[in-house]
PDB file of all heavy atoms in Angstrom:
ATOM      1  N   TRP A   1      11.316-120.747-182.848  1.00  0.00           N
ATOM      2  CA  TRP A   1      12.574-120.186-182.418  1.00  0.00           C
ATOM      3  C   TRP A   1      12.510-118.654-182.622  1.00  0.00           C
ATOM      4  O   TRP A   1      11.873-118.183-183.474  1.00  0.00           O
ATOM      5  CB  TRP A   1      13.717-120.754-183.206  1.00  0.00           C
ATOM      6  CG  TRP A   1      14.965-119.910-183.202  1.00  0.00           C
ATOM      7  CD1 TRP A   1      15.929-119.885-182.236  1.00  0.00           C
ATOM      8  CD2 TRP A   1      15.329-118.901-184.167  1.00  0.00           C
ATOM      9  NE1 TRP A   1      16.904-118.941-182.545  1.00  0.00           N
ATOM     10  CE2 TRP A   1      16.555-118.317-183.721  1.00  0.00           C
ATOM     11  CE3 TRP A   1      14.791-118.476-185.366  1.00  0.00           C
ATOM     12  CZ2 TRP A   1      17.159-117.339-184.456  1.00  0.00           C
ATOM     13  CZ3 TRP A   1      15.412-117.487-186.095  1.00  0.00           C
ATOM     14  CH2 TRP A   1      16.625-116.904-185.587  1.00  0.00           C
ATOM     15  N   GLU A   2      13.203-117.944-181.740  1.00  0.00           N
ATOM     16  CA  GLU A   2      13.368-116.496-181.912  1.00  0.00           C
ATOM     17  C   GLU A   2      14.743-116.108-181.473  1.00  0.00           C
ATOM     18  O   GLU A   2      15.260-116.604-180.467  1.00  0.00           O
ATOM     19  CB  GLU A   2      12.261-115.711-181.145  1.00  0.00           C
ATOM     20  CG  GLU A   2      12.232-116.032-179.677  1.00  0.00           C
ATOM     21  CD  GLU A   2      11.018-115.407-178.995  1.00  0.00           C
ATOM     22  OE1 GLU A   2      10.296-114.648-179.626  1.00  0.00           O
ATOM     23  OE2 GLU A   2      10.800-115.708-177.795  1.00  0.00           O
ATOM     24  N   ALA A   3      15.367-115.210-182.198  1.00  0.00           N
ATOM     25  CA  ALA A   3      16.710-114.736-181.836  1.00  0.00           C
ATOM     26  C   ALA A   3      16.761-113.982-180.553  1.00  0.00           C
ATOM     27  O   ALA A   3      17.771-114.008-179.836  1.00  0.00           O
ATOM     28  CB  ALA A   3      17.279-113.907-183.016  1.00  0.00           C
ATOM     29  N   ALA A   4      15.702-113.244-180.201  1.00  0.00           N
ATOM     30  CA  ALA A   4      15.751-112.370-179.027  1.00  0.00           C
ATOM     31  C   ALA A   4      16.045-113.175-177.782  1.00  0.00           C
ATOM     32  O   ALA A   4      16.867-112.779-176.906  1.00  0.00           O
ATOM     33  CB  ALA A   4      14.420-111.705-178.900  1.00  0.00           C
ATOM     34  N   SER A   5      15.435-114.369-177.637  1.00  0.00           N
ATOM     35  CA  SER A   5      15.752-115.246-176.468  1.00  0.00           C
ATOM     36  C   SER A   5      16.765-116.301-176.808  1.00  0.00           C
ATOM     37  O   SER A   5      17.429-116.828-175.920  1.00  0.00           O
ATOM     38  CB  SER A   5      14.473-115.910-175.986  1.00  0.00           C
ATOM     39  OG  SER A   5      13.985-116.800-176.969  1.00  0.00           O
ATOM     40  N   GLY A   6      16.894-116.613-178.083  1.00  0.00           N
ATOM     41  CA  GLY A   6      17.728-117.717-178.527  1.00  0.00           C
ATOM     42  C   GLY A   6      17.154-119.098-178.257  1.00  0.00           C
ATOM     43  O   GLY A   6      17.850-120.077-178.452  1.00  0.00           O
ATOM     44  N   LEU A   7      15.902-119.174-177.816  1.00  0.00           N
ATOM     45  CA  LEU A   7      15.300-120.423-177.418  1.00  0.00           C
ATOM     46  C   LEU A   7      14.484-121.083-178.558  1.00  0.00           C
ATOM     47  O   LEU A   7      13.831-120.390-179.290  1.00  0.00           O
ATOM     48  CB  LEU A   7      14.439-120.247-176.209  1.00  0.00           C
ATOM     49  CG  LEU A   7      15.091-119.698-174.953  1.00  0.00           C
ATOM     50  CD1 LEU A   7      14.098-119.568-173.827  1.00  0.00           C
ATOM     51  CD2 LEU A   7      16.270-120.566-174.503  1.00  0.00           C
ATOM     52  N   ALA A   8      14.584-122.421-178.597  1.00  0.00           N
ATOM     53  CA  ALA A   8      13.741-123.229-179.543  1.00  0.00           C
ATOM     54  C   ALA A   8      12.860-124.115-178.702  1.00  0.00           C
ATOM     55  O   ALA A   8      13.116-124.425-177.527  1.00  0.00           O
ATOM     56  CB  ALA A   8      14.665-124.080-180.408  1.00  0.00           C
ATOM     57  N   GLN A   9      11.700-124.478-179.366  1.00  0.00           N
ATOM     58  CA  GLN A   9      10.744-125.324-178.662  1.00  0.00           C
ATOM     59  C   GLN A   9      10.088-126.239-179.722  1.00  0.00           C
ATOM     60  O   GLN A   9       9.892-125.817-180.868  1.00  0.00           O
ATOM     61  CB  GLN A   9       9.684-124.470-177.945  1.00  0.00           C
ATOM     62  CG  GLN A   9       8.716-125.298-177.081  1.00  0.00           C
ATOM     63  CD  GLN A   9       7.858-124.377-176.263  1.00  0.00           C
ATOM     64  OE1 GLN A   9       7.525-123.278-176.613  1.00  0.00           O
ATOM     65  NE2 GLN A   9       7.363-124.900-175.118  1.00  0.00           N
ATOM     66  N   LEU A  10       9.749-127.456-179.312  1.00  0.00           N
ATOM     67  CA  LEU A  10       9.031-128.362-180.184  1.00  0.00           C
ATOM     68  C   LEU A  10       7.628-128.631-179.597  1.00  0.00           C
ATOM     69  O   LEU A  10       7.527-128.813-178.405  1.00  0.00           O
ATOM     70  CB  LEU A  10       9.827-129.687-180.294  1.00  0.00           C
ATOM     71  CG  LEU A  10       9.161-130.677-181.276  1.00  0.00           C
ATOM     72  CD1 LEU A  10       9.634-130.356-182.704  1.00  0.00           C
ATOM     73  CD2 LEU A  10       9.472-132.100-180.908  1.00  0.00           C
ATOM     74  N   TRP A  11       6.659-128.670-180.474  1.00  0.00           N
ATOM     75  CA  TRP A  11       5.293-129.016-180.088  1.00  0.00           C
ATOM     76  C   TRP A  11       4.910-130.273-180.896  1.00  0.00           C
ATOM     77  O   TRP A  11       4.969-130.291-182.090  1.00  0.00           O
ATOM     78  CB  TRP A  11       4.318-127.912-180.401  1.00  0.00           C
ATOM     79  CG  TRP A  11       4.554-126.635-179.585  1.00  0.00           C
ATOM     80  CD1 TRP A  11       5.567-125.737-179.692  1.00  0.00           C
ATOM     81  CD2 TRP A  11       3.721-126.151-178.546  1.00  0.00           C
ATOM     82  NE1 TRP A  11       5.407-124.717-178.849  1.00  0.00           N
ATOM     83  CE2 TRP A  11       4.263-124.918-178.113  1.00  0.00           C
ATOM     84  CE3 TRP A  11       2.514-126.620-177.976  1.00  0.00           C
ATOM     85  CZ2 TRP A  11       3.714-124.194-177.045  1.00  0.00           C
ATOM     86  CZ3 TRP A  11       1.938-125.865-176.928  1.00  0.00           C
ATOM     87  CH2 TRP A  11       2.512-124.685-176.508  1.00  0.00           C
ATOM     88  N   LEU A  12       4.443-131.301-180.169  1.00  0.00           N
ATOM     89  CA  LEU A  12       4.006-132.539-180.858  1.00  0.00           C
ATOM     90  C   LEU A  12       2.544-132.746-180.492  1.00  0.00           C
ATOM     91  O   LEU A  12       2.150-132.950-179.311  1.00  0.00           O
ATOM     92  CB  LEU A  12       4.860-133.767-180.354  1.00  0.00           C
ATOM     93  CG  LEU A  12       4.559-135.078-181.068  1.00  0.00           C
ATOM     94  CD1 LEU A  12       4.897-135.029-182.578  1.00  0.00           C
ATOM     95  CD2 LEU A  12       5.232-136.217-180.387  1.00  0.00           C
ATOM     96  N   ASN A  13       1.691-132.713-181.524  1.00  0.00           N
ATOM     97  CA  ASN A  13       0.245-132.888-181.351  1.00  0.00           C
ATOM     98  C   ASN A  13      -0.331-131.929-180.331  1.00  0.00           C
ATOM     99  O   ASN A  13      -1.191-132.293-179.501  1.00  0.00           O
ATOM    100  CB  ASN A  13      -0.065-134.374-180.956  1.00  0.00           C
ATOM    101  CG  ASN A  13       0.441-135.350-181.980  1.00  0.00           C
ATOM    102  OD1 ASN A  13       0.387-135.154-183.187  1.00  0.00           O
ATOM    103  ND2 ASN A  13       1.007-136.459-181.530  1.00  0.00           N
ATOM    104  N   GLY A  14       0.149-130.691-180.406  1.00  0.00           N
ATOM    105  CA  GLY A  14      -0.359-129.615-179.531  1.00  0.00           C
ATOM    106  C   GLY A  14       0.186-129.645-178.118  1.00  0.00           C
ATOM    107  O   GLY A  14      -0.172-128.742-177.336  1.00  0.00           O
ATOM    108  N   GLN A  15       1.155-130.533-177.831  1.00  0.00           N
ATOM    109  CA  GLN A  15       1.729-130.601-176.471  1.00  0.00           C
ATOM    110  C   GLN A  15       3.138-130.021-176.563  1.00  0.00           C
ATOM    111  O   GLN A  15       3.950-130.428-177.427  1.00  0.00           O
ATOM    112  CB  GLN A  15       1.784-132.053-175.968  1.00  0.00           C
ATOM    113  CG  GLN A  15       0.397-132.648-175.855  1.00  0.00           C
ATOM    114  CD  GLN A  15      -0.468-131.891-174.878  1.00  0.00           C
ATOM    115  OE1 GLN A  15      -0.070-131.546-173.758  1.00  0.00           O
ATOM    116  NE2 GLN A  15      -1.678-131.586-175.310  1.00  0.00           N
ATOM    117  N   PRO A  16       3.526-129.136-175.670  1.00  0.00           N
ATOM    118  CA  PRO A  16       4.845-128.476-175.718  1.00  0.00           C
ATOM    119  C   PRO A  16       5.983-129.293-175.047  1.00  0.00           C
ATOM    120  O   PRO A  16       5.750-130.075-174.168  1.00  0.00           O
ATOM    121  CB  PRO A  16       4.602-127.199-174.925  1.00  0.00           C
ATOM    122  CG  PRO A  16       3.548-127.590-173.876  1.00  0.00           C
ATOM    123  CD  PRO A  16       2.684-128.633-174.564  1.00  0.00           C
ATOM    124  N   SER A  17       7.169-129.061-175.566  1.00  0.00           N
ATOM    125  CA  SER A  17       8.364-129.516-174.906  1.00  0.00           C
ATOM    126  C   SER A  17       8.901-128.371-173.996  1.00  0.00           C
ATOM    127  O   SER A  17       8.272-127.277-173.925  1.00  0.00           O
ATOM    128  CB  SER A  17       9.446-129.781-175.952  1.00  0.00           C
ATOM    129  OG  SER A  17       9.889-128.549-176.524  1.00  0.00           O
ATOM    130  N   SER A  18       9.990-128.635-173.300  1.00  0.00           N
ATOM    131  CA  SER A  18      10.717-127.545-172.678  1.00  0.00           C
ATOM    132  C   SER A  18      11.275-126.649-173.775  1.00  0.00           C
ATOM    133  O   SER A  18      11.524-127.075-174.878  1.00  0.00           O
ATOM    134  CB  SER A  18      11.851-128.142-171.820  1.00  0.00           C
ATOM    135  OG  SER A  18      11.368-128.952-170.800  1.00  0.00           O
ATOM    136  N   ARG A  19      11.543-125.387-173.383  1.00  0.00           N
ATOM    137  CA  ARG A  19      12.255-124.441-174.301  1.00  0.00           C
ATOM    138  C   ARG A  19      13.766-124.586-174.014  1.00  0.00           C
ATOM    139  O   ARG A  19      14.158-124.604-172.846  1.00  0.00           O
ATOM    140  CB  ARG A  19      11.731-123.050-174.079  1.00  0.00           C
ATOM    141  CG  ARG A  19      10.270-122.881-174.373  1.00  0.00           C
ATOM    142  CD  ARG A  19       9.777-121.473-174.229  1.00  0.00           C
ATOM    143  NE  ARG A  19      10.252-120.659-175.354  1.00  0.00           N
ATOM    144  CZ  ARG A  19      10.491-119.326-175.272  1.00  0.00           C
ATOM    145  NH1 ARG A  19      10.329-118.705-174.149  1.00  0.00           N
ATOM    146  NH2 ARG A  19      10.884-118.679-176.353  1.00  0.00           N
ATOM    147  N   LYS A  20      14.545-124.709-175.080  1.00  0.00           N
ATOM    148  CA  LYS A  20      15.952-124.974-174.931  1.00  0.00           C
ATOM    149  C   LYS A  20      16.790-123.973-175.749  1.00  0.00           C
ATOM    150  O   LYS A  20      16.359-123.485-176.800  1.00  0.00           O
ATOM    151  CB  LYS A  20      16.253-126.375-175.348  1.00  0.00           C
ATOM    152  CG  LYS A  20      15.563-127.410-174.472  1.00  0.00           C
ATOM    153  CD  LYS A  20      16.017-128.820-174.729  1.00  0.00           C
ATOM    154  CE  LYS A  20      15.366-129.834-173.742  1.00  0.00           C
ATOM    155  NZ  LYS A  20      15.889-131.176-173.930  1.00  0.00           N
ATOM    156  N   PRO A  21      18.044-123.713-175.329  1.00  0.00           N
ATOM    157  CA  PRO A  21      18.934-122.795-176.042  1.00  0.00           C
ATOM    158  C   PRO A  21      19.255-123.281-177.462  1.00  0.00           C
ATOM    159  O   PRO A  21      19.568-124.446-177.631  1.00  0.00           O
ATOM    160  CB  PRO A  21      20.160-122.671-175.186  1.00  0.00           C
ATOM    161  CG  PRO A  21      19.721-123.193-173.790  1.00  0.00           C
ATOM    162  CD  PRO A  21      18.677-124.195-174.069  1.00  0.00           C
ATOM    163  N   ALA A  22      19.185-122.358-178.383  1.00  0.00           N
ATOM    164  CA  ALA A  22      19.564-122.702-179.795  1.00  0.00           C
ATOM    165  C   ALA A  22      20.589-121.622-180.305  1.00  0.00           C
ATOM    166  O   ALA A  22      21.819-121.751-180.119  1.00  0.00           O
ATOM    167  CB  ALA A  22      18.378-122.799-180.715  1.00  0.00           C
ATOM    168  N   SER A  23      20.100-120.532-180.856  1.00  0.00           N
ATOM    169  CA  SER A  23      20.937-119.486-181.415  1.00  0.00           C
ATOM    170  C   SER A  23      20.303-118.117-181.207  1.00  0.00           C
ATOM    171  O   SER A  23      19.080-117.963-181.281  1.00  0.00           O
ATOM    172  CB  SER A  23      21.152-119.707-182.894  1.00  0.00           C
ATOM    173  OG  SER A  23      21.921-118.647-183.452  1.00  0.00           O
ATOM    174  N   LYS A  24      21.133-117.113-180.949  1.00  0.00           N
ATOM    175  CA  LYS A  24      20.693-115.739-180.838  1.00  0.00           C
ATOM    176  C   LYS A  24      21.031-114.904-182.051  1.00  0.00           C
ATOM    177  O   LYS A  24      20.859-113.717-182.055  1.00  0.00           O
ATOM    178  CB  LYS A  24      21.304-115.088-179.592  1.00  0.00           C
ATOM    179  CG  LYS A  24      20.766-115.604-178.290  1.00  0.00           C
ATOM    180  CD  LYS A  24      21.206-114.818-177.082  1.00  0.00           C
ATOM    181  CE  LYS A  24      20.552-115.306-175.798  1.00  0.00           C
ATOM    182  NZ  LYS A  24      20.849-114.421-174.618  1.00  0.00           N
ATOM    183  N   SER A  25      21.461-115.630-183.116  1.00  0.00           N
ATOM    184  CA  SER A  25      21.817-114.892-184.372  1.00  0.00           C
ATOM    185  C   SER A  25      20.736-115.187-185.416  1.00  0.00           C
ATOM    186  O   SER A  25      20.098-116.239-185.421  1.00  0.00           O
ATOM    187  CB  SER A  25      23.157-115.392-184.944  1.00  0.00           C
ATOM    188  OG  SER A  25      24.190-115.148-184.013  1.00  0.00           O
ATOM    189  N   ASN A  26      20.511-114.167-186.244  1.00  0.00           N
ATOM    190  CA  ASN A  26      19.501-114.329-187.338  1.00  0.00           C
ATOM    191  C   ASN A  26      19.941-115.422-188.303  1.00  0.00           C
ATOM    192  O   ASN A  26      21.097-115.754-188.480  1.00  0.00           O
ATOM    193  CB  ASN A  26      19.320-113.007-188.091  1.00  0.00           C
ATOM    194  CG  ASN A  26      18.515-111.958-187.352  1.00  0.00           C
ATOM    195  OD1 ASN A  26      18.365-112.086-186.145  1.00  0.00           O
ATOM    196  ND2 ASN A  26      18.096-110.986-188.041  1.00  0.00           N
TER     197      ASN A  26
END
């Protein structure tokens, strides 16, 4: 996750998910 984009992502066994909105605050 990073605040700059606000996007979170999950990786399972080296394979990525879609990136999805989470939070833009620290």
